[in-house]
Amino acid sequence: MKKKQTSNTLILHVKHKWFREIAYGYKKIEYREVKKYWNSRIKNRNYQFLKIVDGYDSTAPVAICDYGGYDIIEYKRLPPEVKEEFGEQEPDKKYYALKITRLFKLDNWDEGA
């Protein structure tokens, strides 16, 4: 039996440097490795929003964005700064490229932090 989708929002936790890039509108794609864990959260799901959290603290900054779907790309097509974050991988390893189409809400955000 297929599990029914219960939310229209996909939650992603990111490192502070990536959160800042998203908050300032520079980073428009968030990447996740194609694995069983992410397959169950991304494939065949119709999300409307991304909730991007700066880390795991309960008071962490949160960005709410429109979700523009995803592409699946190979490691060799990732941007250099993302490859650096993931480390050396097999060139054919696959990643979800999750599209951030519009940031419309920031909570708990202190620009100076």
N, C-alpha and C. Protein backbone atom coordinates (compact mmCIF):
# COMPACT_ATOMS: atom_id res chain seq x y z
N MET A 1 0.84 -1.18 0.00
CA MET A 1 0.00 0.00 0.00
C MET A 1 0.89 1.25 0.00
N LYS A 2 0.60 2.16 -0.89
CA LYS A 2 1.38 3.38 -1.02
C LYS A 2 1.01 4.37 0.09
N LYS A 3 2.04 4.95 0.71
CA LYS A 3 1.80 5.94 1.78
C LYS A 3 1.26 7.23 1.18
N LYS A 4 0.21 7.75 1.76
CA LYS A 4 -0.41 8.98 1.29
C LYS A 4 0.41 10.19 1.75
N GLN A 5 0.60 11.14 0.84
CA GLN A 5 1.31 12.37 1.18
C GLN A 5 0.45 13.19 2.13
N THR A 6 1.06 13.62 3.24
CA THR A 6 0.29 14.33 4.26
C THR A 6 0.63 15.82 4.33
N SER A 7 1.62 16.26 3.57
CA SER A 7 2.02 17.66 3.65
C SER A 7 2.34 18.19 2.25
N ASN A 8 2.17 19.49 2.09
CA ASN A 8 2.53 20.11 0.83
C ASN A 8 3.90 20.79 0.93
N THR A 9 4.64 20.50 2.02
CA THR A 9 5.92 21.16 2.27
C THR A 9 7.02 20.12 2.51
N LEU A 10 8.10 20.22 1.77
CA LEU A 10 9.29 19.39 1.98
C LEU A 10 10.25 20.16 2.87
N ILE A 11 10.68 19.54 3.97
CA ILE A 11 11.58 20.18 4.92
C ILE A 11 13.01 19.75 4.64
N LEU A 12 13.90 20.73 4.51
CA LEU A 12 15.32 20.48 4.27
C LEU A 12 16.15 21.22 5.30
N HIS A 13 17.07 20.54 5.93
CA HIS A 13 18.01 21.17 6.85
C HIS A 13 19.32 21.39 6.10
N VAL A 14 19.88 22.60 6.22
CA VAL A 14 21.10 22.94 5.50
C VAL A 14 22.11 23.59 6.44
N LYS A 15 23.36 23.60 6.01
CA LYS A 15 24.40 24.31 6.76
C LYS A 15 24.19 25.81 6.64
N HIS A 16 24.73 26.53 7.62
CA HIS A 16 24.55 27.98 7.68
C HIS A 16 24.98 28.69 6.40
N LYS A 17 26.13 28.32 5.84
CA LYS A 17 26.61 29.02 4.63
C LYS A 17 25.62 28.87 3.47
N TRP A 18 24.96 27.70 3.36
CA TRP A 18 23.99 27.51 2.28
C TRP A 18 22.70 28.25 2.59
N PHE A 19 22.33 28.30 3.87
CA PHE A 19 21.12 29.04 4.23
C PHE A 19 21.26 30.51 3.86
N ARG A 20 22.41 31.10 4.17
CA ARG A 20 22.66 32.51 3.82
C ARG A 20 22.53 32.73 2.31
N GLU A 21 23.09 31.82 1.54
CA GLU A 21 23.01 31.93 0.07
C GLU A 21 21.55 31.90 -0.40
N ILE A 22 20.77 31.05 0.22
CA ILE A 22 19.34 30.96 -0.12
C ILE A 22 18.61 32.22 0.33
N ALA A 23 18.87 32.67 1.55
CA ALA A 23 18.20 33.85 2.10
C ALA A 23 18.47 35.10 1.26
N TYR A 24 19.68 35.22 0.73
CA TYR A 24 20.03 36.37 -0.10
C TYR A 24 19.63 36.20 -1.57
N GLY A 25 19.08 35.04 -1.90
CA GLY A 25 18.59 34.81 -3.26
C GLY A 25 19.63 34.35 -4.26
N TYR A 26 20.82 33.98 -3.78
CA TYR A 26 21.89 33.55 -4.68
C TYR A 26 21.78 32.08 -5.06
N LYS A 27 21.37 31.27 -4.11
CA LYS A 27 21.31 29.81 -4.32
C LYS A 27 19.88 29.44 -4.69
N LYS A 28 19.70 28.88 -5.87
CA LYS A 28 18.37 28.56 -6.39
C LYS A 28 18.11 27.06 -6.48
N ILE A 29 19.12 26.26 -6.12
CA ILE A 29 18.99 24.81 -6.18
C ILE A 29 19.62 24.21 -4.93
N GLU A 30 18.91 23.27 -4.32
CA GLU A 30 19.44 22.52 -3.18
C GLU A 30 19.58 21.07 -3.62
N TYR A 31 20.66 20.42 -3.22
CA TYR A 31 20.98 19.08 -3.70
C TYR A 31 20.85 18.05 -2.60
N ARG A 32 20.34 16.87 -2.99
CA ARG A 32 20.27 15.73 -2.10
C ARG A 32 20.63 14.48 -2.91
N GLU A 33 21.43 13.60 -2.31
CA GLU A 33 21.83 12.38 -3.00
C GLU A 33 20.62 11.48 -3.22
N VAL A 34 20.55 10.85 -4.39
CA VAL A 34 19.47 9.91 -4.68
C VAL A 34 19.75 8.64 -3.88
N LYS A 35 18.98 8.48 -2.81
CA LYS A 35 19.07 7.32 -1.92
C LYS A 35 17.65 6.98 -1.47
N LYS A 36 17.51 5.82 -0.86
CA LYS A 36 16.19 5.37 -0.40
C LYS A 36 15.51 6.43 0.48
N TYR A 37 16.27 7.02 1.41
CA TYR A 37 15.70 8.05 2.31
C TYR A 37 15.08 9.19 1.53
N TRP A 38 15.83 9.77 0.58
CA TRP A 38 15.31 10.91 -0.17
C TRP A 38 14.30 10.50 -1.23
N ASN A 39 14.45 9.30 -1.79
CA ASN A 39 13.44 8.82 -2.73
C ASN A 39 12.06 8.82 -2.09
N SER A 40 11.98 8.36 -0.84
CA SER A 40 10.68 8.28 -0.16
C SER A 40 10.09 9.66 0.12
N ARG A 41 10.92 10.68 0.13
CA ARG A 41 10.44 12.03 0.43
C ARG A 41 10.24 12.90 -0.81
N ILE A 42 10.86 12.50 -1.92
CA ILE A 42 10.84 13.36 -3.10
C ILE A 42 10.09 12.74 -4.29
N LYS A 43 10.39 11.50 -4.62
CA LYS A 43 9.77 10.87 -5.79
C LYS A 43 8.26 10.74 -5.62
N ASN A 44 7.55 11.02 -6.70
CA ASN A 44 6.09 10.88 -6.74
C ASN A 44 5.37 11.70 -5.67
N ARG A 45 5.97 12.82 -5.28
CA ARG A 45 5.35 13.72 -4.31
C ARG A 45 5.09 15.06 -5.00
N ASN A 46 4.03 15.70 -4.61
CA ASN A 46 3.65 16.98 -5.22
C ASN A 46 3.69 18.09 -4.18
N TYR A 47 4.89 18.49 -3.83
CA TYR A 47 5.05 19.56 -2.86
C TYR A 47 4.79 20.91 -3.52
N GLN A 48 4.32 21.84 -2.71
CA GLN A 48 4.14 23.22 -3.15
C GLN A 48 5.26 24.11 -2.59
N PHE A 49 5.76 23.76 -1.40
CA PHE A 49 6.75 24.60 -0.72
C PHE A 49 7.96 23.81 -0.25
N LEU A 50 9.06 24.53 -0.04
CA LEU A 50 10.24 24.03 0.64
C LEU A 50 10.36 24.82 1.93
N LYS A 51 10.57 24.12 3.04
CA LYS A 51 10.88 24.76 4.31
C LYS A 51 12.35 24.45 4.57
N ILE A 52 13.19 25.47 4.43
CA ILE A 52 14.63 25.29 4.54
C ILE A 52 15.07 25.82 5.89
N VAL A 53 15.69 24.94 6.69
CA VAL A 53 16.06 25.26 8.06
C VAL A 53 17.58 25.33 8.18
N ASP A 54 18.06 26.38 8.84
CA ASP A 54 19.49 26.58 9.07
C ASP A 54 19.93 25.72 10.26
N GLY A 55 20.26 24.47 9.99
CA GLY A 55 20.67 23.56 11.05
C GLY A 55 19.48 22.85 11.67
N TYR A 56 19.63 22.47 12.96
CA TYR A 56 18.61 21.66 13.64
C TYR A 56 18.08 22.28 14.92
N ASP A 57 18.55 23.44 15.30
CA ASP A 57 18.09 24.07 16.54
C ASP A 57 16.62 24.47 16.40
N SER A 58 15.88 24.38 17.49
CA SER A 58 14.45 24.72 17.45
C SER A 58 14.20 26.21 17.16
N THR A 59 15.20 27.06 17.39
CA THR A 59 15.06 28.49 17.11
C THR A 59 15.83 28.91 15.85
N ALA A 60 16.22 27.94 15.05
CA ALA A 60 17.02 28.21 13.85
C ALA A 60 16.23 29.03 12.83
N PRO A 61 16.94 29.84 12.03
CA PRO A 61 16.26 30.55 10.95
C PRO A 61 15.61 29.57 9.97
N VAL A 62 14.48 30.02 9.41
CA VAL A 62 13.71 29.19 8.49
C VAL A 62 13.34 30.04 7.27
N ALA A 63 13.52 29.45 6.10
CA ALA A 63 13.10 30.09 4.85
C ALA A 63 11.96 29.26 4.26
N ILE A 64 10.90 29.92 3.87
CA ILE A 64 9.80 29.25 3.19
C ILE A 64 9.85 29.70 1.73
N CYS A 65 9.90 28.72 0.84
CA CYS A 65 10.09 28.99 -0.59
C CYS A 65 9.08 28.20 -1.41
N ASP A 66 8.78 28.72 -2.59
CA ASP A 66 8.02 27.92 -3.56
C ASP A 66 8.93 26.83 -4.08
N TYR A 67 8.37 25.67 -4.30
CA TYR A 67 9.11 24.51 -4.80
C TYR A 67 8.84 24.36 -6.29
N GLY A 68 9.90 24.34 -7.07
CA GLY A 68 9.79 24.25 -8.52
C GLY A 68 10.05 22.87 -9.09
N GLY A 69 9.94 21.84 -8.25
CA GLY A 69 10.19 20.49 -8.73
C GLY A 69 11.67 20.13 -8.65
N TYR A 70 12.03 19.07 -9.35
CA TYR A 70 13.42 18.63 -9.30
C TYR A 70 13.87 18.02 -10.61
N ASP A 71 15.16 17.98 -10.77
CA ASP A 71 15.83 17.22 -11.83
C ASP A 71 16.73 16.24 -11.12
N ILE A 72 17.11 15.18 -11.81
CA ILE A 72 18.12 14.26 -11.30
C ILE A 72 19.36 14.45 -12.16
N ILE A 73 20.49 14.75 -11.50
CA ILE A 73 21.73 15.00 -12.23
C ILE A 73 22.84 14.12 -11.68
N GLU A 74 23.86 13.93 -12.50
CA GLU A 74 25.02 13.14 -12.08
C GLU A 74 26.02 14.03 -11.36
N TYR A 75 26.81 13.40 -10.51
CA TYR A 75 27.84 14.10 -9.74
C TYR A 75 28.70 14.99 -10.63
N LYS A 76 29.08 14.49 -11.77
CA LYS A 76 29.98 15.24 -12.66
C LYS A 76 29.35 16.55 -13.15
N ARG A 77 28.02 16.70 -13.04
CA ARG A 77 27.34 17.94 -13.46
C ARG A 77 27.09 18.91 -12.30
N LEU A 78 27.46 18.54 -11.09
CA LEU A 78 27.26 19.43 -9.95
C LEU A 78 28.20 20.63 -10.03
N PRO A 79 27.79 21.80 -9.53
CA PRO A 79 28.69 22.96 -9.46
C PRO A 79 29.91 22.63 -8.59
N PRO A 80 31.07 23.22 -8.87
CA PRO A 80 32.29 22.93 -8.12
C PRO A 80 32.15 23.09 -6.61
N GLU A 81 31.45 24.14 -6.15
CA GLU A 81 31.31 24.37 -4.71
C GLU A 81 30.47 23.28 -4.04
N VAL A 82 29.56 22.68 -4.80
CA VAL A 82 28.73 21.60 -4.26
C VAL A 82 29.54 20.30 -4.25
N LYS A 83 30.30 20.07 -5.31
CA LYS A 83 31.19 18.89 -5.33
C LYS A 83 32.13 18.92 -4.14
N GLU A 84 32.65 20.09 -3.84
CA GLU A 84 33.56 20.25 -2.70
C GLU A 84 32.87 19.84 -1.40
N GLU A 85 31.61 20.20 -1.26
CA GLU A 85 30.84 19.87 -0.05
C GLU A 85 30.61 18.37 0.07
N PHE A 86 30.29 17.71 -1.04
CA PHE A 86 30.02 16.28 -1.03
C PHE A 86 31.30 15.45 -1.00
N GLY A 87 32.41 16.04 -1.39
CA GLY A 87 33.66 15.29 -1.46
C GLY A 87 33.72 14.47 -2.74
N GLU A 88 34.81 13.76 -2.91
CA GLU A 88 35.02 12.96 -4.12
C GLU A 88 34.01 11.82 -4.17
N GLN A 89 33.31 11.71 -5.28
CA GLN A 89 32.29 10.68 -5.48
C GLN A 89 32.48 10.04 -6.85
N GLU A 90 31.78 8.95 -7.08
CA GLU A 90 31.78 8.35 -8.40
C GLU A 90 31.10 9.33 -9.38
N PRO A 91 31.64 9.49 -10.59
CA PRO A 91 31.10 10.49 -11.52
C PRO A 91 29.65 10.24 -11.94
N ASP A 92 29.18 8.99 -11.85
CA ASP A 92 27.80 8.69 -12.26
C ASP A 92 26.81 8.68 -11.09
N LYS A 93 27.28 8.98 -9.88
CA LYS A 93 26.38 9.04 -8.72
C LYS A 93 25.34 10.12 -8.99
N LYS A 94 24.10 9.90 -8.58
CA LYS A 94 23.02 10.80 -8.93
C LYS A 94 22.54 11.62 -7.72
N TYR A 95 22.05 12.83 -8.04
CA TYR A 95 21.57 13.77 -7.03
C TYR A 95 20.27 14.40 -7.48
N TYR A 96 19.39 14.65 -6.51
CA TYR A 96 18.20 15.47 -6.77
C TYR A 96 18.65 16.92 -6.77
N ALA A 97 18.26 17.66 -7.78
CA ALA A 97 18.48 19.11 -7.83
C ALA A 97 17.11 19.74 -7.60
N LEU A 98 16.86 20.16 -6.35
CA LEU A 98 15.56 20.70 -5.94
C LEU A 98 15.52 22.19 -6.22
N LYS A 99 14.54 22.62 -6.98
CA LYS A 99 14.47 24.00 -7.45
C LYS A 99 13.76 24.92 -6.46
N ILE A 100 14.46 25.98 -6.07
CA ILE A 100 13.91 27.02 -5.21
C ILE A 100 13.47 28.15 -6.13
N THR A 101 12.17 28.31 -6.32
CA THR A 101 11.72 29.28 -7.32
C THR A 101 11.44 30.66 -6.75
N ARG A 102 11.03 30.74 -5.49
CA ARG A 102 10.75 32.06 -4.89
C ARG A 102 10.80 31.94 -3.38
N LEU A 103 11.60 32.78 -2.78
CA LEU A 103 11.65 32.88 -1.31
C LEU A 103 10.62 33.93 -0.91
N PHE A 104 9.68 33.56 -0.04
CA PHE A 104 8.68 34.56 0.34
C PHE A 104 8.55 34.77 1.84
N LYS A 105 9.30 34.01 2.66
CA LYS A 105 9.20 34.24 4.08
C LYS A 105 10.48 33.78 4.77
N LEU A 106 10.99 34.64 5.67
CA LEU A 106 12.13 34.29 6.51
C LEU A 106 11.71 34.48 7.97
N ASP A 107 11.91 33.45 8.78
CA ASP A 107 11.63 33.53 10.22
C ASP A 107 12.93 33.35 11.00
N ASN A 108 13.03 34.04 12.13
CA ASN A 108 14.20 33.93 13.03
C ASN A 108 15.51 34.32 12.34
N TRP A 109 15.43 35.19 11.37
CA TRP A 109 16.61 35.55 10.57
C TRP A 109 17.20 36.86 11.02
N ASP A 110 18.48 36.84 11.37
CA ASP A 110 19.23 38.04 11.71
C ASP A 110 20.30 38.17 10.65
N GLU A 111 20.16 39.14 9.75
CA GLU A 111 21.08 39.29 8.62
C GLU A 111 22.53 39.40 9.06
N GLY A 112 22.78 39.92 10.22
CA GLY A 112 24.15 40.11 10.67
C GLY A 112 24.81 38.84 11.18
N ALA A 113 24.02 37.78 11.37
CA ALA A 113 24.57 36.53 11.93
C ALA A 113 25.39 35.77 10.93
